[in-house]
């Protein structure tokens, strides 16, 4: 009896029979975030590769090429313009920086830029066989002066994760003050003359917080080589002081802040073919802890309620401003609080 065996079965067993090692063409990979920071012109560039699962930094370079450590044989290089657009090479493959993998060649990127520079983030995969190990903090070089594009980096991270928030609105006057003012003329005897005021708790423990808001509609470049969005597609918004509780009054807390700020809409952003681009604005605030107090000539000053936080726009919007978003636009008028800023008053 003749037994017929498919040729594919015979070929599958040949390596084992002949002692030939098998070639595994499918490599195990890990997902990473590739962050590229550009300051001013494109001569100042840094690259960081971050493990998406652990958030550990696997590689860092203060140039347009990362080819050290685990990336010696799998370099990452960039060729970007001042807006963060262009190409990024990951190992042997060259990609276009783009939000759509069909345009980019397989990775997903977003970018944020303004007059200070650009910050690009791409989600990609690298082979596990690289054995790129996490760098300790002492191994992370400080590529640029502190704060050079820190707001862009902060905005890039927060726009992908922050939930939308209600518009900051002026805190209502505390009901105690409203009732006292309403009945003041009915009670003119001495001990009815109450004073209501708000003061810092200690130094106020100031911190920088940011109200980020999309000023424009989303513009998709489509098949056009480039497109732009500017004041004709944007709105201007007023941002007022706010508080985490009803205040007796607004106070500056001794900081260079004001009660209200208007964003304006005089800024233009550019995108490339297939991009979705929009204009955003960061209104920088100083957050400081305050306390309501009440007193009259017959009593000592008494705390009214618990301490709370007051949020006031910085004078001349110090620490804030316009920026362009490509690839992670939301919708016109949408905004959120980002409270990850540094400690201290306005810069």
C-alpha atoms as a PDB file:
ATOM      1  CA  UNK A   1       0.000   0.000   0.000  1.00  0.00           C
ATOM      2  CA  UNK A   2       1.353   3.423  -0.999  1.00  0.00           C
ATOM      3  CA  UNK A   3       0.805   6.262   1.502  1.00  0.00           C
ATOM      4  CA  UNK A   4       0.640   9.773   0.061  1.00  0.00           C
ATOM      5  CA  UNK A   5       2.170  12.526   2.230  1.00  0.00           C
ATOM      6  CA  UNK A   6       1.748  16.200   1.310  1.00  0.00           C
ATOM      7  CA  UNK A   7       4.996  17.900   0.293  1.00  0.00           C
ATOM      8  CA  UNK A   8       4.323  20.705   2.822  1.00  0.00           C
ATOM      9  CA  UNK A   9       4.390  18.172   5.650  1.00  0.00           C
ATOM     10  CA  UNK A  10       7.697  16.744   4.442  1.00  0.00           C
ATOM     11  CA  UNK A  11       9.249  20.232   4.209  1.00  0.00           C
ATOM     12  CA  UNK A  12       8.039  21.105   7.699  1.00  0.00           C
ATOM     13  CA  UNK A  13       9.956  18.164   9.168  1.00  0.00           C
ATOM     14  CA  UNK A  14      13.141  18.620   7.123  1.00  0.00           C
ATOM     15  CA  UNK A  15      14.846  21.112   9.499  1.00  0.00           C
ATOM     16  CA  UNK A  16      14.437  18.765  12.448  1.00  0.00           C
ATOM     17  CA  UNK A  17      15.590  15.718  10.466  1.00  0.00           C
ATOM     18  CA  UNK A  18      18.627  17.454   8.976  1.00  0.00           C
ATOM     19  CA  UNK A  19      19.509  19.447  12.077  1.00  0.00           C
ATOM     20  CA  UNK A  20      18.900  22.814  10.379  1.00  0.00           C
ATOM     21  CA  UNK A  21      17.909  25.647  12.795  1.00  0.00           C
ATOM     22  CA  UNK A  22      14.498  27.146  12.055  1.00  0.00           C
ATOM     23  CA  UNK A  23      14.164  30.833  11.201  1.00  0.00           C
ATOM     24  CA  UNK A  24      11.542  32.666  13.245  1.00  0.00           C
ATOM     25  CA  UNK A  25      10.482  35.557  11.016  1.00  0.00           C
ATOM     26  CA  UNK A  26       8.050  36.923  13.589  1.00  0.00           C
ATOM     27  CA  UNK A  27       9.741  38.874  16.357  1.00  0.00           C
ATOM     28  CA  UNK A  28       8.250  39.634  19.732  1.00  0.00           C
ATOM     29  CA  UNK A  29       7.781  43.367  20.123  1.00  0.00           C
ATOM     30  CA  UNK A  30       6.875  45.863  22.806  1.00  0.00           C
ATOM     31  CA  UNK A  31       4.875  49.060  22.450  1.00  0.00           C
ATOM     32  CA  UNK A  32       6.744  52.309  23.074  1.00  0.00           C
ATOM     33  CA  UNK A  33       6.158  56.042  22.927  1.00  0.00           C
ATOM     34  CA  UNK A  34       8.774  57.943  20.974  1.00  0.00           C
ATOM     35  CA  UNK A  35       8.948  61.558  22.124  1.00  0.00           C
ATOM     36  CA  UNK A  36      10.774  64.143  20.039  1.00  0.00           C
ATOM     37  CA  UNK A  37      11.312  67.659  21.347  1.00  0.00           C
ATOM     38  CA  UNK A  38      12.456  70.562  19.172  1.00  0.00           C
ATOM     39  CA  UNK A  39      13.432  73.932  20.625  1.00  0.00           C
ATOM     40  CA  UNK A  40      13.286  77.029  18.442  1.00  0.00           C
ATOM     41  CA  UNK A  41      14.771  76.007  15.113  1.00  0.00           C
ATOM     42  CA  UNK A  42      15.426  72.376  14.254  1.00  0.00           C
ATOM     43  CA  UNK A  43      19.074  72.449  15.392  1.00  0.00           C
ATOM     44  CA  UNK A  44      18.096  71.545  18.962  1.00  0.00           C
ATOM     45  CA  UNK A  45      16.455  68.115  19.129  1.00  0.00           C
ATOM     46  CA  UNK A  46      16.010  65.426  21.759  1.00  0.00           C
ATOM     47  CA  UNK A  47      14.605  61.901  21.488  1.00  0.00           C
ATOM     48  CA  UNK A  48      13.225  59.726  24.280  1.00  0.00           C
ATOM     49  CA  UNK A  49      11.827  56.186  24.019  1.00  0.00           C
ATOM     50  CA  UNK A  50       9.388  55.265  26.774  1.00  0.00           C
ATOM     51  CA  UNK A  51       8.016  51.820  27.580  1.00  0.00           C
ATOM     52  CA  UNK A  52       4.240  52.165  27.171  1.00  0.00           C
ATOM     53  CA  UNK A  53       3.543  49.544  29.850  1.00  0.00           C
ATOM     54  CA  UNK A  54       5.947  50.666  32.579  1.00  0.00           C
ATOM     55  CA  UNK A  55       6.490  54.363  31.633  1.00  0.00           C
ATOM     56  CA  UNK A  56      10.239  53.781  32.019  1.00  0.00           C
ATOM     57  CA  UNK A  57      12.685  55.603  29.744  1.00  0.00           C
ATOM     58  CA  UNK A  58      14.506  53.046  27.590  1.00  0.00           C
ATOM     59  CA  UNK A  59      16.643  55.426  25.573  1.00  0.00           C
ATOM     60  CA  UNK A  60      17.495  59.116  25.383  1.00  0.00           C
ATOM     61  CA  UNK A  61      19.516  61.309  23.066  1.00  0.00           C
ATOM     62  CA  UNK A  62      20.140  65.061  22.874  1.00  0.00           C
ATOM     63  CA  UNK A  63      20.325  64.942  19.088  1.00  0.00           C
ATOM     64  CA  UNK A  64      18.223  63.892  16.126  1.00  0.00           C
ATOM     65  CA  UNK A  65      19.539  60.306  16.336  1.00  0.00           C
ATOM     66  CA  UNK A  66      19.366  57.715  19.119  1.00  0.00           C
ATOM     67  CA  UNK A  67      21.927  54.995  18.414  1.00  0.00           C
ATOM     68  CA  UNK A  68      23.399  54.098  21.790  1.00  0.00           C
ATOM     69  CA  UNK A  69      22.735  51.352  24.328  1.00  0.00           C
ATOM     70  CA  UNK A  70      20.004  48.969  23.216  1.00  0.00           C
ATOM     71  CA  UNK A  71      19.463  51.104  20.114  1.00  0.00           C
ATOM     72  CA  UNK A  72      22.998  50.741  18.734  1.00  0.00           C
ATOM     73  CA  UNK A  73      21.770  48.257  16.110  1.00  0.00           C
ATOM     74  CA  UNK A  74      18.220  49.627  15.914  1.00  0.00           C
ATOM     75  CA  UNK A  75      18.659  53.402  15.681  1.00  0.00           C
ATOM     76  CA  UNK A  76      15.864  55.944  15.812  1.00  0.00           C
ATOM     77  CA  UNK A  77      16.361  59.123  13.801  1.00  0.00           C
ATOM     78  CA  UNK A  78      14.261  62.167  12.933  1.00  0.00           C
ATOM     79  CA  UNK A  79      14.125  64.630  10.065  1.00  0.00           C
ATOM     80  CA  UNK A  80      11.517  67.186  11.115  1.00  0.00           C
ATOM     81  CA  UNK A  81      10.591  70.758  10.267  1.00  0.00           C
ATOM     82  CA  UNK A  82       9.955  73.530  12.814  1.00  0.00           C
ATOM     83  CA  UNK A  83       6.328  72.388  13.145  1.00  0.00           C
ATOM     84  CA  UNK A  84       7.283  68.812  14.048  1.00  0.00           C
ATOM     85  CA  UNK A  85       6.234  67.477  10.633  1.00  0.00           C
ATOM     86  CA  UNK A  86       8.462  65.219   8.577  1.00  0.00           C
ATOM     87  CA  UNK A  87       9.913  61.730   8.863  1.00  0.00           C
ATOM     88  CA  UNK A  88      11.018  59.452  11.679  1.00  0.00           C
ATOM     89  CA  UNK A  89      13.132  56.340  11.160  1.00  0.00           C
ATOM     90  CA  UNK A  90      12.589  53.423  13.556  1.00  0.00           C
ATOM     91  CA  UNK A  91      15.166  50.720  12.938  1.00  0.00           C
ATOM     92  CA  UNK A  92      15.108  49.939   9.203  1.00  0.00           C
ATOM     93  CA  UNK A  93      11.741  51.598   8.510  1.00  0.00           C
ATOM     94  CA  UNK A  94      11.072  55.213   7.599  1.00  0.00           C
ATOM     95  CA  UNK A  95       7.675  56.629   8.651  1.00  0.00           C
ATOM     96  CA  UNK A  96       5.836  59.882   8.069  1.00  0.00           C
ATOM     97  CA  UNK A  97       4.835  61.751  11.251  1.00  0.00           C
ATOM     98  CA  UNK A  98       1.048  61.453  10.949  1.00  0.00           C
ATOM     99  CA  UNK A  99      -2.053  60.667  13.003  1.00  0.00           C
ATOM    100  CA  UNK A 100      -3.264  58.087  10.460  1.00  0.00           C
ATOM    101  CA  UNK A 101      -1.237  54.835  10.153  1.00  0.00           C
ATOM    102  CA  UNK A 102      -2.286  54.618   6.484  1.00  0.00           C
ATOM    103  CA  UNK A 103      -0.469  57.898   5.827  1.00  0.00           C
ATOM    104  CA  UNK A 104       2.451  57.298   8.186  1.00  0.00           C
ATOM    105  CA  UNK A 105       3.281  53.791   7.055  1.00  0.00           C
ATOM    106  CA  UNK A 106       2.168  52.049  10.242  1.00  0.00           C
ATOM    107  CA  UNK A 107       2.696  54.221  13.342  1.00  0.00           C
ATOM    108  CA  UNK A 108       0.452  56.810  14.989  1.00  0.00           C
ATOM    109  CA  UNK A 109       1.811  60.283  15.769  1.00  0.00           C
ATOM    110  CA  UNK A 110       0.555  63.583  17.117  1.00  0.00           C
ATOM    111  CA  UNK A 111       2.323  66.906  17.471  1.00  0.00           C
ATOM    112  CA  UNK A 112       1.984  70.223  19.249  1.00  0.00           C
ATOM    113  CA  UNK A 113       3.929  73.345  18.371  1.00  0.00           C
ATOM    114  CA  UNK A 114       4.162  77.106  18.799  1.00  0.00           C
ATOM    115  CA  UNK A 115       6.819  79.789  18.431  1.00  0.00           C
ATOM    116  CA  UNK A 116       8.947  78.171  21.166  1.00  0.00           C
ATOM    117  CA  UNK A 117       9.287  74.790  19.460  1.00  0.00           C
ATOM    118  CA  UNK A 118       7.492  71.518  18.882  1.00  0.00           C
ATOM    119  CA  UNK A 119       6.739  68.289  20.736  1.00  0.00           C
ATOM    120  CA  UNK A 120       6.020  65.092  18.778  1.00  0.00           C
ATOM    121  CA  UNK A 121       4.722  61.794  20.153  1.00  0.00           C
ATOM    122  CA  UNK A 122       4.589  58.562  18.123  1.00  0.00           C
ATOM    123  CA  UNK A 123       3.314  55.158  19.213  1.00  0.00           C
ATOM    124  CA  UNK A 124       5.471  52.412  17.708  1.00  0.00           C
ATOM    125  CA  UNK A 125       6.880  48.943  18.389  1.00  0.00           C
ATOM    126  CA  UNK A 126      10.458  47.802  18.933  1.00  0.00           C
ATOM    127  CA  UNK A 127      11.830  44.244  19.128  1.00  0.00           C
ATOM    128  CA  UNK A 128      12.052  42.765  22.608  1.00  0.00           C
ATOM    129  CA  UNK A 129      15.398  41.319  21.509  1.00  0.00           C
ATOM    130  CA  UNK A 130      16.932  44.805  21.742  1.00  0.00           C
ATOM    131  CA  UNK A 131      17.022  44.297  25.510  1.00  0.00           C
ATOM    132  CA  UNK A 132      16.787  48.040  26.045  1.00  0.00           C
ATOM    133  CA  UNK A 133      16.901  48.526  29.804  1.00  0.00           C
ATOM    134  CA  UNK A 134      15.393  51.363  31.769  1.00  0.00           C
ATOM    135  CA  UNK A 135      17.660  54.322  32.360  1.00  0.00           C
ATOM    136  CA  UNK A 136      18.098  55.611  35.890  1.00  0.00           C
ATOM    137  CA  UNK A 137      17.332  59.273  36.558  1.00  0.00           C
ATOM    138  CA  UNK A 138      21.042  60.014  36.823  1.00  0.00           C
ATOM    139  CA  UNK A 139      21.456  58.726  33.256  1.00  0.00           C
ATOM    140  CA  UNK A 140      18.844  61.077  31.787  1.00  0.00           C
ATOM    141  CA  UNK A 141      20.579  64.098  30.288  1.00  0.00           C
ATOM    142  CA  UNK A 142      18.984  67.521  30.540  1.00  0.00           C
ATOM    143  CA  UNK A 143      19.048  68.465  26.885  1.00  0.00           C
ATOM    144  CA  UNK A 144      17.649  71.994  27.066  1.00  0.00           C
ATOM    145  CA  UNK A 145      17.234  74.856  29.480  1.00  0.00           C
ATOM    146  CA  UNK A 146      14.489  74.153  31.980  1.00  0.00           C
ATOM    147  CA  UNK A 147      11.113  75.287  30.718  1.00  0.00           C
ATOM    148  CA  UNK A 148      12.160  75.695  27.086  1.00  0.00           C
ATOM    149  CA  UNK A 149       9.184  73.700  25.800  1.00  0.00           C
ATOM    150  CA  UNK A 150       7.817  72.316  29.063  1.00  0.00           C
ATOM    151  CA  UNK A 151       4.329  73.702  28.379  1.00  0.00           C
ATOM    152  CA  UNK A 152       4.207  71.901  25.029  1.00  0.00           C
ATOM    153  CA  UNK A 153       5.256  68.624  26.617  1.00  0.00           C
ATOM    154  CA  UNK A 154       2.675  69.068  29.375  1.00  0.00           C
ATOM    155  CA  UNK A 155      -0.065  69.919  26.865  1.00  0.00           C
ATOM    156  CA  UNK A 156       0.859  66.977  24.637  1.00  0.00           C
ATOM    157  CA  UNK A 157       0.422  64.532  27.501  1.00  0.00           C
ATOM    158  CA  UNK A 158      -2.694  66.081  29.009  1.00  0.00           C
ATOM    159  CA  UNK A 159      -4.672  66.513  25.778  1.00  0.00           C
ATOM    160  CA  UNK A 160      -4.581  62.736  25.271  1.00  0.00           C
ATOM    161  CA  UNK A 161      -5.713  61.877  28.795  1.00  0.00           C
ATOM    162  CA  UNK A 162      -7.584  64.756  30.473  1.00  0.00           C
ATOM    163  CA  UNK A 163     -11.353  64.758  30.669  1.00  0.00           C
ATOM    164  CA  UNK A 164     -13.283  67.825  29.610  1.00  0.00           C
ATOM    165  CA  UNK A 165     -14.156  70.191  32.460  1.00  0.00           C
ATOM    166  CA  UNK A 166     -16.840  72.836  32.946  1.00  0.00           C
ATOM    167  CA  UNK A 167     -15.823  76.343  31.969  1.00  0.00           C
ATOM    168  CA  UNK A 168     -14.170  78.192  34.885  1.00  0.00           C
ATOM    169  CA  UNK A 169     -16.752  80.615  36.241  1.00  0.00           C
ATOM    170  CA  UNK A 170     -16.523  83.324  38.856  1.00  0.00           C
ATOM    171  CA  UNK A 171     -17.258  81.852  42.267  1.00  0.00           C
ATOM    172  CA  UNK A 172     -20.582  82.944  43.768  1.00  0.00           C
ATOM    173  CA  UNK A 173     -20.539  85.339  46.691  1.00  0.00           C
ATOM    174  CA  UNK A 174     -20.859  83.420  49.918  1.00  0.00           C
ATOM    175  CA  UNK A 175     -24.499  83.255  51.111  1.00  0.00           C
ATOM    176  CA  UNK A 176     -23.509  84.666  54.498  1.00  0.00           C
ATOM    177  CA  UNK A 177     -22.354  87.859  52.813  1.00  0.00           C
ATOM    178  CA  UNK A 178     -25.469  88.059  50.638  1.00  0.00           C
ATOM    179  CA  UNK A 179     -27.813  87.680  53.600  1.00  0.00           C
ATOM    180  CA  UNK A 180     -25.863  90.159  55.718  1.00  0.00           C
ATOM    181  CA  UNK A 181     -25.857  92.815  53.001  1.00  0.00           C
ATOM    182  CA  UNK A 182     -29.565  92.317  52.369  1.00  0.00           C
ATOM    183  CA  UNK A 183     -30.555  92.862  56.006  1.00  0.00           C
ATOM    184  CA  UNK A 184     -27.920  95.453  56.927  1.00  0.00           C
ATOM    185  CA  UNK A 185     -30.302  98.416  57.034  1.00  0.00           C
ATOM    186  CA  UNK A 186     -32.755  96.508  59.216  1.00  0.00           C
ATOM    187  CA  UNK A 187     -30.101  95.904  61.863  1.00  0.00           C
ATOM    188  CA  UNK A 188     -28.047  99.034  62.397  1.00  0.00           C
ATOM    189  CA  UNK A 189     -27.161  98.426  66.027  1.00  0.00           C
ATOM    190  CA  UNK A 190     -23.470  98.180  66.850  1.00  0.00           C
ATOM    191  CA  UNK A 191     -22.889  94.426  67.021  1.00  0.00           C
ATOM    192  CA  UNK A 192     -24.700  93.827  63.728  1.00  0.00           C
ATOM    193  CA  UNK A 193     -21.929  95.547  61.742  1.00  0.00           C
ATOM    194  CA  UNK A 194     -20.194  92.475  60.375  1.00  0.00           C
ATOM    195  CA  UNK A 195     -17.119  92.496  58.182  1.00  0.00           C
ATOM    196  CA  UNK A 196     -16.566  89.652  55.743  1.00  0.00           C
ATOM    197  CA  UNK A 197     -13.215  89.128  54.035  1.00  0.00           C
ATOM    198  CA  UNK A 198     -10.889  86.537  52.523  1.00  0.00           C
ATOM    199  CA  UNK A 199      -7.202  86.042  53.324  1.00  0.00           C
ATOM    200  CA  UNK A 200      -4.386  83.670  52.369  1.00  0.00           C
ATOM    201  CA  UNK A 201      -3.702  80.606  54.464  1.00  0.00           C
ATOM    202  CA  UNK A 202      -0.025  81.091  55.248  1.00  0.00           C
ATOM    203  CA  UNK A 203       1.768  81.954  52.027  1.00  0.00           C
ATOM    204  CA  UNK A 204      -1.088  80.480  50.008  1.00  0.00           C
ATOM    205  CA  UNK A 205       0.962  77.456  48.880  1.00  0.00           C
ATOM    206  CA  UNK A 206       0.870  78.728  45.271  1.00  0.00           C
ATOM    207  CA  UNK A 207       0.945  76.400  42.273  1.00  0.00           C
ATOM    208  CA  UNK A 208       0.655  76.878  38.534  1.00  0.00           C
ATOM    209  CA  UNK A 209      -2.506  75.432  36.955  1.00  0.00           C
ATOM    210  CA  UNK A 210      -3.660  75.690  33.355  1.00  0.00           C
ATOM    211  CA  UNK A 211      -7.008  76.029  31.639  1.00  0.00           C
ATOM    212  CA  UNK A 212      -6.496  74.564  28.158  1.00  0.00           C
ATOM    213  CA  UNK A 213      -9.179  75.320  25.574  1.00  0.00           C
ATOM    214  CA  UNK A 214      -9.637  74.678  21.866  1.00  0.00           C
ATOM    215  CA  UNK A 215     -10.326  78.009  20.164  1.00  0.00           C
ATOM    216  CA  UNK A 216     -10.918  76.834  16.613  1.00  0.00           C
ATOM    217  CA  UNK A 217     -12.904  74.324  14.681  1.00  0.00           C
ATOM    218  CA  UNK A 218     -11.075  71.273  13.346  1.00  0.00           C
ATOM    219  CA  UNK A 219      -9.629  71.671   9.851  1.00  0.00           C
ATOM    220  CA  UNK A 220      -8.731  68.538   7.871  1.00  0.00           C
ATOM    221  CA  UNK A 221      -6.236  69.070   5.092  1.00  0.00           C
ATOM    222  CA  UNK A 222      -7.596  66.140   3.094  1.00  0.00           C
ATOM    223  CA  UNK A 223      -5.745  65.643  -0.170  1.00  0.00           C
ATOM    224  CA  UNK A 224      -4.258  69.150  -0.141  1.00  0.00           C
ATOM    225  CA  UNK A 225      -0.483  69.293   0.417  1.00  0.00           C
ATOM    226  CA  UNK A 226      -1.096  71.689   3.321  1.00  0.00           C
ATOM    227  CA  UNK A 227      -3.824  73.693   5.055  1.00  0.00           C
ATOM    228  CA  UNK A 228      -4.219  76.234   7.829  1.00  0.00           C
ATOM    229  CA  UNK A 229      -6.649  77.329  10.532  1.00  0.00           C
ATOM    230  CA  UNK A 230      -6.687  80.866  11.919  1.00  0.00           C
ATOM    231  CA  UNK A 231      -8.822  83.671  13.322  1.00  0.00           C
ATOM    232  CA  UNK A 232     -11.596  83.209  10.744  1.00  0.00           C
ATOM    233  CA  UNK A 233     -12.272  79.716  12.125  1.00  0.00           C
ATOM    234  CA  UNK A 234     -11.559  80.596  15.783  1.00  0.00           C
ATOM    235  CA  UNK A 235     -13.345  82.248  18.686  1.00  0.00           C
ATOM    236  CA  UNK A 236     -12.085  84.394  21.564  1.00  0.00           C
ATOM    237  CA  UNK A 237     -13.077  83.465  25.116  1.00  0.00           C
ATOM    238  CA  UNK A 238     -12.985  85.207  28.489  1.00  0.00           C
ATOM    239  CA  UNK A 239     -11.645  83.253  31.440  1.00  0.00           C
ATOM    240  CA  UNK A 240     -12.567  84.493  34.926  1.00  0.00           C
ATOM    241  CA  UNK A 241     -11.198  83.675  38.346  1.00  0.00           C
ATOM    242  CA  UNK A 242     -12.791  80.714  40.088  1.00  0.00           C
ATOM    243  CA  UNK A 243     -12.642  78.940  43.426  1.00  0.00           C
ATOM    244  CA  UNK A 244     -13.325  75.528  44.919  1.00  0.00           C
ATOM    245  CA  UNK A 245     -15.847  77.062  47.359  1.00  0.00           C
ATOM    246  CA  UNK A 246     -17.990  80.197  47.624  1.00  0.00           C
ATOM    247  CA  UNK A 247     -15.735  83.158  48.336  1.00  0.00           C
ATOM    248  CA  UNK A 248     -16.439  86.257  50.419  1.00  0.00           C
ATOM    249  CA  UNK A 249     -14.403  88.224  47.878  1.00  0.00           C
ATOM    250  CA  UNK A 250     -11.707  87.878  45.224  1.00  0.00           C
ATOM    251  CA  UNK A 251      -8.169  88.598  46.396  1.00  0.00           C
ATOM    252  CA  UNK A 252      -4.881  88.490  44.524  1.00  0.00           C
ATOM    253  CA  UNK A 253      -3.163  86.768  47.428  1.00  0.00           C
ATOM    254  CA  UNK A 254      -0.170  89.008  46.786  1.00  0.00           C
ATOM    255  CA  UNK A 255       0.532  87.376  43.416  1.00  0.00           C
ATOM    256  CA  UNK A 256       0.714  88.966  39.968  1.00  0.00           C
ATOM    257  CA  UNK A 257      -2.750  87.771  38.940  1.00  0.00           C
ATOM    258  CA  UNK A 258      -5.998  89.314  37.721  1.00  0.00           C
ATOM    259  CA  UNK A 259      -9.725  88.593  37.846  1.00  0.00           C
ATOM    260  CA  UNK A 260     -10.230  87.910  34.142  1.00  0.00           C
ATOM    261  CA  UNK A 261      -8.300  87.230  30.950  1.00  0.00           C
ATOM    262  CA  UNK A 262      -9.394  87.187  27.294  1.00  0.00           C
ATOM    263  CA  UNK A 263      -7.729  84.656  24.997  1.00  0.00           C
ATOM    264  CA  UNK A 264      -8.035  86.454  21.658  1.00  0.00           C
ATOM    265  CA  UNK A 265      -7.969  84.445  18.437  1.00  0.00           C
ATOM    266  CA  UNK A 266      -5.118  85.894  16.387  1.00  0.00           C
ATOM    267  CA  UNK A 267      -3.063  82.786  15.712  1.00  0.00           C
ATOM    268  CA  UNK A 268      -2.630  80.531  12.679  1.00  0.00           C
ATOM    269  CA  UNK A 269      -1.743  76.840  12.636  1.00  0.00           C
ATOM    270  CA  UNK A 270      -0.618  74.710   9.679  1.00  0.00           C
ATOM    271  CA  UNK A 271      -1.016  71.053   8.781  1.00  0.00           C
ATOM    272  CA  UNK A 272       0.087  68.699   6.022  1.00  0.00           C
ATOM    273  CA  UNK A 273      -1.821  66.348   3.744  1.00  0.00           C
ATOM    274  CA  UNK A 274      -4.365  64.281   5.686  1.00  0.00           C
ATOM    275  CA  UNK A 275      -3.704  66.128   8.959  1.00  0.00           C
ATOM    276  CA  UNK A 276      -6.394  67.418  11.324  1.00  0.00           C
ATOM    277  CA  UNK A 277      -5.220  70.717  12.805  1.00  0.00           C
ATOM    278  CA  UNK A 278      -6.675  73.179  15.335  1.00  0.00           C
ATOM    279  CA  UNK A 279      -5.741  76.160  17.546  1.00  0.00           C
ATOM    280  CA  UNK A 280      -5.569  75.808  21.334  1.00  0.00           C
ATOM    281  CA  UNK A 281      -4.920  78.304  24.123  1.00  0.00           C
ATOM    282  CA  UNK A 282      -3.454  77.867  27.575  1.00  0.00           C
ATOM    283  CA  UNK A 283      -4.635  80.360  30.194  1.00  0.00           C
ATOM    284  CA  UNK A 284      -2.087  80.091  33.005  1.00  0.00           C
ATOM    285  CA  UNK A 285      -3.446  80.431  36.549  1.00  0.00           C
ATOM    286  CA  UNK A 286      -1.976  80.684  39.996  1.00  0.00           C
ATOM    287  CA  UNK A 287      -3.826  78.516  42.499  1.00  0.00           C
ATOM    288  CA  UNK A 288      -3.543  79.578  46.146  1.00  0.00           C
ATOM    289  CA  UNK A 289      -5.199  78.478  49.365  1.00  0.00           C
ATOM    290  CA  UNK A 290      -7.433  81.013  51.120  1.00  0.00           C
ATOM    291  CA  UNK A 291      -9.854  81.246  54.041  1.00  0.00           C
ATOM    292  CA  UNK A 292     -13.052  83.232  54.585  1.00  0.00           C
ATOM    293  CA  UNK A 293     -13.252  85.273  57.801  1.00  0.00           C
ATOM    294  CA  UNK A 294     -15.996  87.229  59.584  1.00  0.00           C
ATOM    295  CA  UNK A 295     -15.887  89.680  62.511  1.00  0.00           C
ATOM    296  CA  UNK A 296     -17.550  92.685  64.139  1.00  0.00           C
ATOM    297  CA  UNK A 297     -16.679  95.099  66.932  1.00  0.00           C
ATOM    298  CA  UNK A 298     -18.183  92.757  69.515  1.00  0.00           C
ATOM    299  CA  UNK A 299     -16.309  89.607  68.461  1.00  0.00           C
ATOM    300  CA  UNK A 300     -12.878  88.419  67.472  1.00  0.00           C
ATOM    301  CA  UNK A 301     -12.247  87.372  63.851  1.00  0.00           C
ATOM    302  CA  UNK A 302     -13.695  83.918  63.187  1.00  0.00           C
ATOM    303  CA  UNK A 303     -12.992  81.497  60.394  1.00  0.00           C
ATOM    304  CA  UNK A 304     -16.013  80.857  58.204  1.00  0.00           C
ATOM    305  CA  UNK A 305     -15.971  77.398  56.635  1.00  0.00           C
ATOM    306  CA  UNK A 306     -12.929  75.453  55.563  1.00  0.00           C
ATOM    307  CA  UNK A 307      -9.912  76.663  53.587  1.00  0.00           C
ATOM    308  CA  UNK A 308     -10.332  76.430  49.810  1.00  0.00           C
ATOM    309  CA  UNK A 309      -8.405  77.130  46.626  1.00  0.00           C
ATOM    310  CA  UNK A 310      -8.729  80.254  44.491  1.00  0.00           C
ATOM    311  CA  UNK A 311      -7.658  80.120  40.815  1.00  0.00           C
ATOM    312  CA  UNK A 312      -6.743  83.435  39.171  1.00  0.00           C
ATOM    313  CA  UNK A 313      -5.363  84.115  35.672  1.00  0.00           C
ATOM    314  CA  UNK A 314      -1.769  85.301  35.705  1.00  0.00           C
ATOM    315  CA  UNK A 315      -1.200  88.907  34.684  1.00  0.00           C
ATOM    316  CA  UNK A 316      -0.608  89.135  30.926  1.00  0.00           C
ATOM    317  CA  UNK A 317      -1.072  85.355  30.876  1.00  0.00           C
ATOM    318  CA  UNK A 318       2.506  84.763  32.030  1.00  0.00           C
ATOM    319  CA  UNK A 319       3.308  81.097  31.448  1.00  0.00           C
ATOM    320  CA  UNK A 320       0.510  80.569  28.920  1.00  0.00           C
ATOM    321  CA  UNK A 321      -0.318  81.288  25.296  1.00  0.00           C
ATOM    322  CA  UNK A 322      -1.352  79.831  21.947  1.00  0.00           C
ATOM    323  CA  UNK A 323      -0.299  76.475  20.550  1.00  0.00           C
ATOM    324  CA  UNK A 324      -1.152  74.334  17.525  1.00  0.00           C
ATOM    325  CA  UNK A 325      -2.443  70.776  17.828  1.00  0.00           C
ATOM    326  CA  UNK A 326      -2.145  68.248  15.012  1.00  0.00           C
ATOM    327  CA  UNK A 327      -3.663  64.787  15.370  1.00  0.00           C
ATOM    328  CA  UNK A 328      -5.373  65.101  18.770  1.00  0.00           C
ATOM    329  CA  UNK A 329      -7.926  67.864  18.188  1.00  0.00           C
ATOM    330  CA  UNK A 330     -11.188  67.733  20.156  1.00  0.00           C
ATOM    331  CA  UNK A 331     -13.925  70.254  19.320  1.00  0.00           C
ATOM    332  CA  UNK A 332     -14.209  74.035  19.317  1.00  0.00           C
ATOM    333  CA  UNK A 333     -14.852  75.402  22.807  1.00  0.00           C
ATOM    334  CA  UNK A 334     -13.867  72.195  24.617  1.00  0.00           C
ATOM    335  CA  UNK A 335     -11.476  72.660  27.532  1.00  0.00           C
ATOM    336  CA  UNK A 336     -10.021  71.048  30.626  1.00  0.00           C
ATOM    337  CA  UNK A 337      -7.973  71.823  33.722  1.00  0.00           C
ATOM    338  CA  UNK A 338      -4.381  70.676  33.862  1.00  0.00           C
ATOM    339  CA  UNK A 339      -3.141  70.945  37.429  1.00  0.00           C
ATOM    340  CA  UNK A 340       0.292  69.413  36.853  1.00  0.00           C
ATOM    341  CA  UNK A 341       2.169  72.717  36.854  1.00  0.00           C
ATOM    342  CA  UNK A 342       5.073  73.559  39.167  1.00  0.00           C
ATOM    343  CA  UNK A 343       4.850  75.038  42.637  1.00  0.00           C
ATOM    344  CA  UNK A 344       5.195  78.795  42.944  1.00  0.00           C
ATOM    345  CA  UNK A 345       3.648  81.989  41.672  1.00  0.00           C
ATOM    346  CA  UNK A 346       3.586  83.314  38.099  1.00  0.00           C
ATOM    347  CA  UNK A 347       6.856  82.941  36.167  1.00  0.00           C
END
